[in-house]
Amino acid sequence: MRITLEELRDSNDLVIELLEIISLEGQHYMARLTLDRRELLLSDKQGVTSLFRSAWQLQVTLAAFRVRETQVVHPSAYHEMVGMEPAEIEPLRIRVQREKAQREKP
């Protein structure tokens, strides 16, 4: 599913549980947001995935929203790069930011 920046802005009390900054070929990044346990791609009004030139640019774009955790996700093409058959390899995940858990007062 997809969501636009405008739809995010129109949501009240929005909390992005997980912001995944997905690294793509050609020095582009896209945002996958987890909201209420749903994964959504940040897109424009025409349904085209929003691309960013850096992870920083993407974070600045979403800076006004509450984000509990941010990860940069980098899929690996190592097997293909060294001439091996493609294989399922979990992507490299780098935690960039995580909200501290708040302790409840008794």
PDB file of N, CA and C in Angstrom:
ATOM      1  N   MET A   1       0.831  -1.179   0.000  1.00  0.00           N
ATOM      2  CA  MET A   1       0.000   0.000   0.000  1.00  0.00           C
ATOM      3  C   MET A   1       0.880   1.248   0.000  1.00  0.00           C
ATOM      4  N   ARG A   2       0.267   2.360  -0.304  1.00  0.00           N
ATOM      5  CA  ARG A   2       1.010   3.611  -0.432  1.00  0.00           C
ATOM      6  C   ARG A   2       0.372   4.699   0.424  1.00  0.00           C
ATOM      7  N   ILE A   3       1.190   5.717   0.747  1.00  0.00           N
ATOM      8  CA  ILE A   3       0.702   6.887   1.470  1.00  0.00           C
ATOM      9  C   ILE A   3       1.483   8.096   0.974  1.00  0.00           C
ATOM     10  N   THR A   4       0.811   9.230   0.912  1.00  0.00           N
ATOM     11  CA  THR A   4       1.473  10.457   0.469  1.00  0.00           C
ATOM     12  C   THR A   4       1.885  11.290   1.684  1.00  0.00           C
ATOM     13  N   LEU A   5       2.769  12.235   1.446  1.00  0.00           N
ATOM     14  CA  LEU A   5       3.189  13.161   2.493  1.00  0.00           C
ATOM     15  C   LEU A   5       1.992  13.970   2.981  1.00  0.00           C
ATOM     16  N   GLU A   6       1.111  14.336   2.069  1.00  0.00           N
ATOM     17  CA  GLU A   6      -0.086  15.093   2.441  1.00  0.00           C
ATOM     18  C   GLU A   6      -0.990  14.275   3.362  1.00  0.00           C
ATOM     19  N   GLU A   7      -1.154  12.985   3.070  1.00  0.00           N
ATOM     20  CA  GLU A   7      -1.963  12.121   3.926  1.00  0.00           C
ATOM     21  C   GLU A   7      -1.330  11.981   5.313  1.00  0.00           C
ATOM     22  N   LEU A   8      -0.016  11.918   5.362  1.00  0.00           N
ATOM     23  CA  LEU A   8       0.669  11.868   6.662  1.00  0.00           C
ATOM     24  C   LEU A   8       0.402  13.144   7.449  1.00  0.00           C
ATOM     25  N   ARG A   9       0.496  14.287   6.767  1.00  0.00           N
ATOM     26  CA  ARG A   9       0.280  15.580   7.438  1.00  0.00           C
ATOM     27  C   ARG A   9      -1.152  15.723   7.948  1.00  0.00           C
ATOM     28  N   ASP A  10      -2.113  15.129   7.238  1.00  0.00           N
ATOM     29  CA  ASP A  10      -3.522  15.231   7.618  1.00  0.00           C
ATOM     30  C   ASP A  10      -3.910  14.291   8.759  1.00  0.00           C
ATOM     31  N   SER A  11      -3.032  13.351   9.090  1.00  0.00           N
ATOM     32  CA  SER A  11      -3.333  12.392  10.162  1.00  0.00           C
ATOM     33  C   SER A  11      -3.061  13.016  11.519  1.00  0.00           C
ATOM     34  N   ASN A  12      -3.988  12.811  12.441  1.00  0.00           N
ATOM     35  CA  ASN A  12      -3.813  13.334  13.799  1.00  0.00           C
ATOM     36  C   ASN A  12      -3.088  12.309  14.660  1.00  0.00           C
ATOM     37  N   ASP A  13      -2.215  12.798  15.525  1.00  0.00           N
ATOM     38  CA  ASP A  13      -1.493  11.944  16.468  1.00  0.00           C
ATOM     39  C   ASP A  13      -0.809  10.766  15.776  1.00  0.00           C
ATOM     40  N   LEU A  14      -0.247  11.025  14.636  1.00  0.00           N
ATOM     41  CA  LEU A  14       0.417   9.990  13.854  1.00  0.00           C
ATOM     42  C   LEU A  14       1.727   9.568  14.513  1.00  0.00           C
ATOM     43  N   VAL A  15       1.961   8.276  14.620  1.00  0.00           N
ATOM     44  CA  VAL A  15       3.226   7.743  15.105  1.00  0.00           C
ATOM     45  C   VAL A  15       3.727   6.740  14.068  1.00  0.00           C
ATOM     46  N   ILE A  16       4.910   7.004  13.552  1.00  0.00           N
ATOM     47  CA  ILE A  16       5.539   6.063  12.623  1.00  0.00           C
ATOM     48  C   ILE A  16       6.323   5.085  13.487  1.00  0.00           C
ATOM     49  N   GLU A  17       5.859   3.846  13.522  1.00  0.00           N
ATOM     50  CA  GLU A  17       6.502   2.843  14.358  1.00  0.00           C
ATOM     51  C   GLU A  17       7.904   2.521  13.859  1.00  0.00           C
ATOM     52  N   LEU A  18       8.042   2.388  12.546  1.00  0.00           N
ATOM     53  CA  LEU A  18       9.336   2.081  11.940  1.00  0.00           C
ATOM     54  C   LEU A  18       9.436   2.797  10.611  1.00  0.00           C
ATOM     55  N   LEU A  19      10.505   3.541  10.438  1.00  0.00           N
ATOM     56  CA  LEU A  19      10.844   4.156   9.155  1.00  0.00           C
ATOM     57  C   LEU A  19      12.018   3.369   8.593  1.00  0.00           C
ATOM     58  N   GLU A  20      11.777   2.709   7.468  1.00  0.00           N
ATOM     59  CA  GLU A  20      12.851   1.984   6.797  1.00  0.00           C
ATOM     60  C   GLU A  20      13.298   2.816   5.603  1.00  0.00           C
ATOM     61  N   ILE A  21      14.551   3.204   5.614  1.00  0.00           N
ATOM     62  CA  ILE A  21      15.146   3.950   4.505  1.00  0.00           C
ATOM     63  C   ILE A  21      15.828   2.908   3.637  1.00  0.00           C
ATOM     64  N   ILE A  22      15.194   2.582   2.518  1.00  0.00           N
ATOM     65  CA  ILE A  22      15.669   1.486   1.682  1.00  0.00           C
ATOM     66  C   ILE A  22      16.602   2.020   0.610  1.00  0.00           C
ATOM     67  N   SER A  23      17.828   1.514   0.636  1.00  0.00           N
ATOM     68  CA  SER A  23      18.852   1.915  -0.318  1.00  0.00           C
ATOM     69  C   SER A  23      18.619   1.207  -1.651  1.00  0.00           C
ATOM     70  N   LEU A  24      18.584   1.994  -2.721  1.00  0.00           N
ATOM     71  CA  LEU A  24      18.381   1.453  -4.064  1.00  0.00           C
ATOM     72  C   LEU A  24      19.612   1.731  -4.915  1.00  0.00           C
ATOM     73  N   GLU A  25      19.714   1.049  -6.034  1.00  0.00           N
ATOM     74  CA  GLU A  25      20.814   1.322  -6.953  1.00  0.00           C
ATOM     75  C   GLU A  25      20.711   2.746  -7.477  1.00  0.00           C
ATOM     76  N   GLY A  26      21.825   3.311  -7.844  1.00  0.00           N
ATOM     77  CA  GLY A  26      21.835   4.651  -8.415  1.00  0.00           C
ATOM     78  C   GLY A  26      21.747   5.753  -7.373  1.00  0.00           C
ATOM     79  N   GLN A  27      22.146   5.456  -6.155  1.00  0.00           N
ATOM     80  CA  GLN A  27      22.176   6.448  -5.068  1.00  0.00           C
ATOM     81  C   GLN A  27      20.807   7.068  -4.817  1.00  0.00           C
ATOM     82  N   HIS A  28      19.788   6.221  -4.758  1.00  0.00           N
ATOM     83  CA  HIS A  28      18.440   6.655  -4.417  1.00  0.00           C
ATOM     84  C   HIS A  28      17.968   5.912  -3.173  1.00  0.00           C
ATOM     85  N   TYR A  29      17.045   6.524  -2.469  1.00  0.00           N
ATOM     86  CA  TYR A  29      16.471   5.932  -1.263  1.00  0.00           C
ATOM     87  C   TYR A  29      14.961   6.102  -1.315  1.00  0.00           C
ATOM     88  N   MET A  30      14.252   5.115  -0.784  1.00  0.00           N
ATOM     89  CA  MET A  30      12.797   5.227  -0.663  1.00  0.00           C
ATOM     90  C   MET A  30      12.417   4.934   0.782  1.00  0.00           C
ATOM     91  N   ALA A  31      11.224   5.365   1.160  1.00  0.00           N
ATOM     92  CA  ALA A  31      10.771   5.219   2.546  1.00  0.00           C
ATOM     93  C   ALA A  31       9.645   4.197   2.632  1.00  0.00           C
ATOM     94  N   ARG A  32       9.842   3.220   3.508  1.00  0.00           N
ATOM     95  CA  ARG A  32       8.769   2.297   3.856  1.00  0.00           C
ATOM     96  C   ARG A  32       8.414   2.581   5.311  1.00  0.00           C
ATOM     97  N   LEU A  33       7.153   2.910   5.542  1.00  0.00           N
ATOM     98  CA  LEU A  33       6.690   3.306   6.871  1.00  0.00           C
ATOM     99  C   LEU A  33       5.800   2.217   7.445  1.00  0.00           C
ATOM    100  N   THR A  34       5.990   1.935   8.728  1.00  0.00           N
ATOM    101  CA  THR A  34       5.079   1.033   9.415  1.00  0.00           C
ATOM    102  C   THR A  34       4.199   1.883  10.311  1.00  0.00           C
ATOM    103  N   LEU A  35       2.892   1.883  10.009  1.00  0.00           N
ATOM    104  CA  LEU A  35       1.888   2.626  10.764  1.00  0.00           C
ATOM    105  C   LEU A  35       0.790   1.647  11.157  1.00  0.00           C
ATOM    106  N   ASP A  36       0.504   1.559  12.424  1.00  0.00           N
ATOM    107  CA  ASP A  36      -0.538   0.635  12.893  1.00  0.00           C
ATOM    108  C   ASP A  36      -0.345  -0.765  12.307  1.00  0.00           C
ATOM    109  N   ARG A  37       0.887  -1.224  12.302  1.00  0.00           N
ATOM    110  CA  ARG A  37       1.268  -2.565  11.818  1.00  0.00           C
ATOM    111  C   ARG A  37       1.070  -2.759  10.318  1.00  0.00           C
ATOM    112  N   ARG A  38       0.879  -1.670   9.576  1.00  0.00           N
ATOM    113  CA  ARG A  38       0.764  -1.729   8.120  1.00  0.00           C
ATOM    114  C   ARG A  38       2.011  -1.130   7.506  1.00  0.00           C
ATOM    115  N   GLU A  39       2.558  -1.783   6.485  1.00  0.00           N
ATOM    116  CA  GLU A  39       3.708  -1.248   5.758  1.00  0.00           C
ATOM    117  C   GLU A  39       3.211  -0.449   4.569  1.00  0.00           C
ATOM    118  N   LEU A  40       3.677   0.803   4.480  1.00  0.00           N
ATOM    119  CA  LEU A  40       3.246   1.711   3.421  1.00  0.00           C
ATOM    120  C   LEU A  40       4.463   2.346   2.764  1.00  0.00           C
ATOM    121  N   LEU A  41       4.429   2.487   1.447  1.00  0.00           N
ATOM    122  CA  LEU A  41       5.494   3.187   0.727  1.00  0.00           C
ATOM    123  C   LEU A  41       5.112   4.650   0.582  1.00  0.00           C
ATOM    124  N   LEU A  42       6.055   5.531   0.865  1.00  0.00           N
ATOM    125  CA  LEU A  42       5.824   6.956   0.665  1.00  0.00           C
ATOM    126  C   LEU A  42       5.828   7.236  -0.830  1.00  0.00           C
ATOM    127  N   SER A  43       4.725   7.818  -1.325  1.00  0.00           N
ATOM    128  CA  SER A  43       4.541   8.024  -2.762  1.00  0.00           C
ATOM    129  C   SER A  43       3.959   9.401  -3.020  1.00  0.00           C
ATOM    130  N   ASP A  44       3.926   9.784  -4.294  1.00  0.00           N
ATOM    131  CA  ASP A  44       3.277  11.046  -4.648  1.00  0.00           C
ATOM    132  C   ASP A  44       1.795  10.785  -4.923  1.00  0.00           C
ATOM    133  N   LYS A  45       1.062  11.821  -5.292  1.00  0.00           N
ATOM    134  CA  LYS A  45      -0.385  11.702  -5.507  1.00  0.00           C
ATOM    135  C   LYS A  45      -0.736  10.785  -6.680  1.00  0.00           C
ATOM    136  N   GLN A  46       0.188  10.582  -7.598  1.00  0.00           N
ATOM    137  CA  GLN A  46      -0.051   9.712  -8.740  1.00  0.00           C
ATOM    138  C   GLN A  46       0.313   8.253  -8.439  1.00  0.00           C
ATOM    139  N   GLY A  47       0.757   7.962  -7.218  1.00  0.00           N
ATOM    140  CA  GLY A  47       1.116   6.597  -6.841  1.00  0.00           C
ATOM    141  C   GLY A  47       2.532   6.201  -7.198  1.00  0.00           C
ATOM    142  N   VAL A  48       3.365   7.169  -7.562  1.00  0.00           N
ATOM    143  CA  VAL A  48       4.764   6.902  -7.898  1.00  0.00           C
ATOM    144  C   VAL A  48       5.593   7.000  -6.610  1.00  0.00           C
ATOM    145  N   THR A  49       6.401   5.990  -6.357  1.00  0.00           N
ATOM    146  CA  THR A  49       7.223   5.962  -5.151  1.00  0.00           C
ATOM    147  C   THR A  49       8.126   7.179  -5.092  1.00  0.00           C
ATOM    148  N   SER A  50       8.137   7.848  -3.944  1.00  0.00           N
ATOM    149  CA  SER A  50       9.008   9.017  -3.743  1.00  0.00           C
ATOM    150  C   SER A  50      10.444   8.548  -3.571  1.00  0.00           C
ATOM    151  N   LEU A  51      11.349   9.145  -4.338  1.00  0.00           N
ATOM    152  CA  LEU A  51      12.773   8.814  -4.249  1.00  0.00           C
ATOM    153  C   LEU A  51      13.535  10.005  -3.696  1.00  0.00           C
ATOM    154  N   PHE A  52      14.563   9.707  -2.923  1.00  0.00           N
ATOM    155  CA  PHE A  52      15.378  10.738  -2.292  1.00  0.00           C
ATOM    156  C   PHE A  52      16.837  10.496  -2.650  1.00  0.00           C
ATOM    157  N   ARG A  53      17.611  11.584  -2.682  1.00  0.00           N
ATOM    158  CA  ARG A  53      19.032  11.489  -3.053  1.00  0.00           C
ATOM    159  C   ARG A  53      19.920  11.080  -1.892  1.00  0.00           C
ATOM    160  N   SER A  54      19.394  11.126  -0.666  1.00  0.00           N
ATOM    161  CA  SER A  54      20.181  10.704   0.491  1.00  0.00           C
ATOM    162  C   SER A  54      19.254  10.292   1.621  1.00  0.00           C
ATOM    163  N   ALA A  55      19.778   9.500   2.530  1.00  0.00           N
ATOM    164  CA  ALA A  55      19.019   9.126   3.724  1.00  0.00           C
ATOM    165  C   ALA A  55      18.735  10.377   4.550  1.00  0.00           C
ATOM    166  N   TRP A  56      19.673  11.308   4.548  1.00  0.00           N
ATOM    167  CA  TRP A  56      19.501  12.557   5.291  1.00  0.00           C
ATOM    168  C   TRP A  56      18.310  13.352   4.745  1.00  0.00           C
ATOM    169  N   GLN A  57      18.214  13.483   3.426  1.00  0.00           N
ATOM    170  CA  GLN A  57      17.105  14.218   2.808  1.00  0.00           C
ATOM    171  C   GLN A  57      15.773  13.591   3.193  1.00  0.00           C
ATOM    172  N   LEU A  58      15.714  12.283   3.212  1.00  0.00           N
ATOM    173  CA  LEU A  58      14.480  11.584   3.579  1.00  0.00           C
ATOM    174  C   LEU A  58      14.129  11.868   5.040  1.00  0.00           C
ATOM    175  N   GLN A  59      15.117  11.811   5.933  1.00  0.00           N
ATOM    176  CA  GLN A  59      14.870  12.074   7.347  1.00  0.00           C
ATOM    177  C   GLN A  59      14.420  13.515   7.572  1.00  0.00           C
ATOM    178  N   VAL A  60      15.003  14.449   6.856  1.00  0.00           N
ATOM    179  CA  VAL A  60      14.604  15.855   6.980  1.00  0.00           C
ATOM    180  C   VAL A  60      13.150  16.023   6.518  1.00  0.00           C
ATOM    181  N   THR A  61      12.774  15.339   5.442  1.00  0.00           N
ATOM    182  CA  THR A  61      11.405  15.421   4.928  1.00  0.00           C
ATOM    183  C   THR A  61      10.392  14.949   5.966  1.00  0.00           C
ATOM    184  N   LEU A  62      10.756  13.945   6.759  1.00  0.00           N
ATOM    185  CA  LEU A  62       9.835  13.383   7.751  1.00  0.00           C
ATOM    186  C   LEU A  62      10.119  13.859   9.178  1.00  0.00           C
ATOM    187  N   ALA A  63      10.935  14.886   9.317  1.00  0.00           N
ATOM    188  CA  ALA A  63      11.355  15.353  10.648  1.00  0.00           C
ATOM    189  C   ALA A  63      10.202  15.862  11.513  1.00  0.00           C
ATOM    190  N   ALA A  64       9.123  16.313  10.917  1.00  0.00           N
ATOM    191  CA  ALA A  64       8.005  16.857  11.691  1.00  0.00           C
ATOM    192  C   ALA A  64       7.147  15.763  12.333  1.00  0.00           C
ATOM    193  N   PHE A  65       7.396  14.503  11.971  1.00  0.00           N
ATOM    194  CA  PHE A  65       6.584  13.404  12.472  1.00  0.00           C
ATOM    195  C   PHE A  65       7.311  12.659  13.596  1.00  0.00           C
ATOM    196  N   ARG A  66       6.532  12.038  14.461  1.00  0.00           N
ATOM    197  CA  ARG A  66       7.115  11.227  15.526  1.00  0.00           C
ATOM    198  C   ARG A  66       7.476   9.864  14.928  1.00  0.00           C
ATOM    199  N   VAL A  67       8.762   9.531  14.998  1.00  0.00           N
ATOM    200  CA  VAL A  67       9.261   8.267  14.456  1.00  0.00           C
ATOM    201  C   VAL A  67       9.891   7.499  15.612  1.00  0.00           C
ATOM    202  N   ARG A  68       9.382   6.311  15.877  1.00  0.00           N
ATOM    203  CA  ARG A  68       9.903   5.518  16.995  1.00  0.00           C
ATOM    204  C   ARG A  68      11.257   4.895  16.684  1.00  0.00           C
ATOM    205  N   GLU A  69      11.433   4.441  15.453  1.00  0.00           N
ATOM    206  CA  GLU A  69      12.713   3.833  15.077  1.00  0.00           C
ATOM    207  C   GLU A  69      12.963   4.053  13.597  1.00  0.00           C
ATOM    208  N   THR A  70      14.235   4.293  13.260  1.00  0.00           N
ATOM    209  CA  THR A  70      14.640   4.465  11.874  1.00  0.00           C
ATOM    210  C   THR A  70      15.769   3.486  11.571  1.00  0.00           C
ATOM    211  N   GLN A  71      15.640   2.786  10.443  1.00  0.00           N
ATOM    212  CA  GLN A  71      16.684   1.861   9.997  1.00  0.00           C
ATOM    213  C   GLN A  71      17.002   2.139   8.531  1.00  0.00           C
ATOM    214  N   VAL A  72      18.283   2.061   8.197  1.00  0.00           N
ATOM    215  CA  VAL A  72      18.690   2.070   6.794  1.00  0.00           C
ATOM    216  C   VAL A  72      18.784   0.602   6.396  1.00  0.00           C
ATOM    217  N   VAL A  73      18.113   0.255   5.297  1.00  0.00           N
ATOM    218  CA  VAL A  73      18.061  -1.132   4.828  1.00  0.00           C
ATOM    219  C   VAL A  73      18.795  -1.203   3.500  1.00  0.00           C
ATOM    220  N   HIS A  74      19.812  -2.062   3.466  1.00  0.00           N
ATOM    221  CA  HIS A  74      20.623  -2.180   2.257  1.00  0.00           C
ATOM    222  C   HIS A  74      20.603  -3.627   1.770  1.00  0.00           C
ATOM    223  N   PRO A  75      19.816  -3.912   0.712  1.00  0.00           N
ATOM    224  CA  PRO A  75      19.793  -5.271   0.164  1.00  0.00           C
ATOM    225  C   PRO A  75      21.160  -5.641  -0.406  1.00  0.00           C
ATOM    226  N   SER A  76      21.495  -6.904  -0.307  1.00  0.00           N
ATOM    227  CA  SER A  76      22.794  -7.365  -0.785  1.00  0.00           C
ATOM    228  C   SER A  76      22.666  -8.099  -2.111  1.00  0.00           C
ATOM    229  N   ALA A  77      23.552  -7.797  -3.024  1.00  0.00           N
ATOM    230  CA  ALA A  77      23.641  -8.525  -4.296  1.00  0.00           C
ATOM    231  C   ALA A  77      24.997  -9.215  -4.372  1.00  0.00           C
ATOM    232  N   TYR A  78      25.561  -9.551  -3.212  1.00  0.00           N
ATOM    233  CA  TYR A  78      26.919 -10.092  -3.146  1.00  0.00           C
ATOM    234  C   TYR A  78      27.093 -11.330  -4.024  1.00  0.00           C
ATOM    235  N   HIS A  79      26.182 -12.284  -3.916  1.00  0.00           N
ATOM    236  CA  HIS A  79      26.330 -13.515  -4.687  1.00  0.00           C
ATOM    237  C   HIS A  79      26.445 -13.232  -6.184  1.00  0.00           C
ATOM    238  N   GLU A  80      25.577 -12.374  -6.684  1.00  0.00           N
ATOM    239  CA  GLU A  80      25.615 -12.044  -8.107  1.00  0.00           C
ATOM    240  C   GLU A  80      26.899 -11.302  -8.462  1.00  0.00           C
ATOM    241  N   MET A  81      27.387 -10.464  -7.545  1.00  0.00           N
ATOM    242  CA  MET A  81      28.586  -9.665  -7.826  1.00  0.00           C
ATOM    243  C   MET A  81      29.822 -10.546  -7.975  1.00  0.00           C
ATOM    244  N   VAL A  82      29.861 -11.682  -7.286  1.00  0.00           N
ATOM    245  CA  VAL A  82      31.040 -12.550  -7.360  1.00  0.00           C
ATOM    246  C   VAL A  82      30.809 -13.747  -8.276  1.00  0.00           C
ATOM    247  N   GLY A  83      29.728 -13.704  -9.085  1.00  0.00           N
ATOM    248  CA  GLY A  83      29.492 -14.734 -10.077  1.00  0.00           C
ATOM    249  C   GLY A  83      28.761 -15.966  -9.579  1.00  0.00           C
ATOM    250  N   MET A  84      28.177 -15.895  -8.401  1.00  0.00           N
ATOM    251  CA  MET A  84      27.421 -17.028  -7.869  1.00  0.00           C
ATOM    252  C   MET A  84      25.948 -16.870  -8.247  1.00  0.00           C
ATOM    253  N   GLU A  85      25.208 -17.945  -8.094  1.00  0.00           N
ATOM    254  CA  GLU A  85      23.770 -17.896  -8.329  1.00  0.00           C
ATOM    255  C   GLU A  85      23.128 -16.948  -7.325  1.00  0.00           C
ATOM    256  N   PRO A  86      22.119 -16.178  -7.740  1.00  0.00           N
ATOM    257  CA  PRO A  86      21.417 -15.321  -6.782  1.00  0.00           C
ATOM    258  C   PRO A  86      20.863 -16.161  -5.621  1.00  0.00           C
ATOM    259  N   ALA A  87      20.900 -15.588  -4.431  1.00  0.00           N
ATOM    260  CA  ALA A  87      20.406 -16.294  -3.244  1.00  0.00           C
ATOM    261  C   ALA A  87      19.687 -15.312  -2.347  1.00  0.00           C
ATOM    262  N   GLU A  88      18.761 -15.832  -1.552  1.00  0.00           N
ATOM    263  CA  GLU A  88      18.047 -15.003  -0.579  1.00  0.00           C
ATOM    264  C   GLU A  88      18.981 -14.677   0.582  1.00  0.00           C
ATOM    265  N   ILE A  89      19.334 -13.437   0.703  1.00  0.00           N
ATOM    266  CA  ILE A  89      20.180 -12.978   1.795  1.00  0.00           C
ATOM    267  C   ILE A  89      19.435 -11.850   2.482  1.00  0.00           C
ATOM    268  N   GLU A  90      19.331 -11.945   3.788  1.00  0.00           N
ATOM    269  CA  GLU A  90      18.669 -10.876   4.532  1.00  0.00           C
ATOM    270  C   GLU A  90      19.412  -9.561   4.290  1.00  0.00           C
ATOM    271  N   PRO A  91      18.692  -8.467   4.107  1.00  0.00           N
ATOM    272  CA  PRO A  91      19.367  -7.178   3.885  1.00  0.00           C
ATOM    273  C   PRO A  91      20.080  -6.712   5.145  1.00  0.00           C
ATOM    274  N   LEU A  92      21.110  -5.927   4.943  1.00  0.00           N
ATOM    275  CA  LEU A  92      21.816  -5.293   6.048  1.00  0.00           C
ATOM    276  C   LEU A  92      20.911  -4.213   6.617  1.00  0.00           C
ATOM    277  N   ARG A  93      20.717  -4.219   7.934  1.00  0.00           N
ATOM    278  CA  ARG A  93      19.887  -3.217   8.604  1.00  0.00           C
ATOM    279  C   ARG A  93      20.758  -2.465   9.596  1.00  0.00           C
ATOM    280  N   ILE A  94      20.744  -1.150   9.471  1.00  0.00           N
ATOM    281  CA  ILE A  94      21.520  -0.292  10.371  1.00  0.00           C
ATOM    282  C   ILE A  94      20.548   0.622  11.090  1.00  0.00           C
ATOM    283  N   ARG A  95      20.482   0.474  12.405  1.00  0.00           N
ATOM    284  CA  ARG A  95      19.596   1.340  13.180  1.00  0.00           C
ATOM    285  C   ARG A  95      20.219   2.724  13.258  1.00  0.00           C
ATOM    286  N   VAL A  96      19.476   3.718  12.837  1.00  0.00           N
ATOM    287  CA  VAL A  96      19.944   5.095  12.830  1.00  0.00           C
ATOM    288  C   VAL A  96      19.422   5.835  14.059  1.00  0.00           C
ATOM    289  N   GLN A  97      18.209   5.495  14.458  1.00  0.00           N
ATOM    290  CA  GLN A  97      17.544   6.209  15.551  1.00  0.00           C
ATOM    291  C   GLN A  97      16.529   5.281  16.175  1.00  0.00           C
ATOM    292  N   ARG A  98      16.390   5.401  17.499  1.00  0.00           N
ATOM    293  CA  ARG A  98      15.355   4.650  18.204  1.00  0.00           C
ATOM    294  C   ARG A  98      14.915   5.452  19.420  1.00  0.00           C
ATOM    295  N   GLU A  99      13.617   5.582  19.545  1.00  0.00           N
ATOM    296  CA  GLU A  99      13.043   6.304  20.674  1.00  0.00           C
ATOM    297  C   GLU A  99      13.249   5.479  21.940  1.00  0.00           C
ATOM    298  N   LYS A 100      13.666   6.145  23.004  1.00  0.00           N
ATOM    299  CA  LYS A 100      13.844   5.453  24.279  1.00  0.00           C
ATOM    300  C   LYS A 100      12.492   5.087  24.847  1.00  0.00           C
ATOM    301  N   ALA A 101      12.408   3.911  25.432  1.00  0.00           N
ATOM    302  CA  ALA A 101      11.159   3.489  26.076  1.00  0.00           C
ATOM    303  C   ALA A 101      10.919   4.353  27.291  1.00  0.00           C
ATOM    304  N   GLN A 102       9.702   4.808  27.438  1.00  0.00           N
ATOM    305  CA  GLN A 102       9.360   5.647  28.584  1.00  0.00           C
ATOM    306  C   GLN A 102       8.790   4.762  29.682  1.00  0.00           C
ATOM    307  N   ARG A 103       9.310   4.927  30.873  1.00  0.00           N
ATOM    308  CA  ARG A 103       8.812   4.164  31.996  1.00  0.00           C
ATOM    309  C   ARG A 103       7.569   4.817  32.548  1.00  0.00           C
ATOM    310  N   GLU A 104       6.605   3.966  32.844  1.00  0.00           N
ATOM    311  CA  GLU A 104       5.373   4.486  33.405  1.00  0.00           C
ATOM    312  C   GLU A 104       5.575   4.732  34.891  1.00  0.00           C
ATOM    313  N   LYS A 105       5.001   5.793  35.382  1.00  0.00           N
ATOM    314  CA  LYS A 105       5.081   6.109  36.809  1.00  0.00           C
ATOM    315  C   LYS A 105       4.011   5.323  37.549  1.00  0.00           C
ATOM    316  N   PRO A 106       4.358   4.782  38.742  1.00  0.00           N
ATOM    317  CA  PRO A 106       3.368   4.020  39.497  1.00  0.00           C
ATOM    318  C   PRO A 106       2.263   4.877  40.036  1.00  0.00           C
TER     319      PRO A 106
END
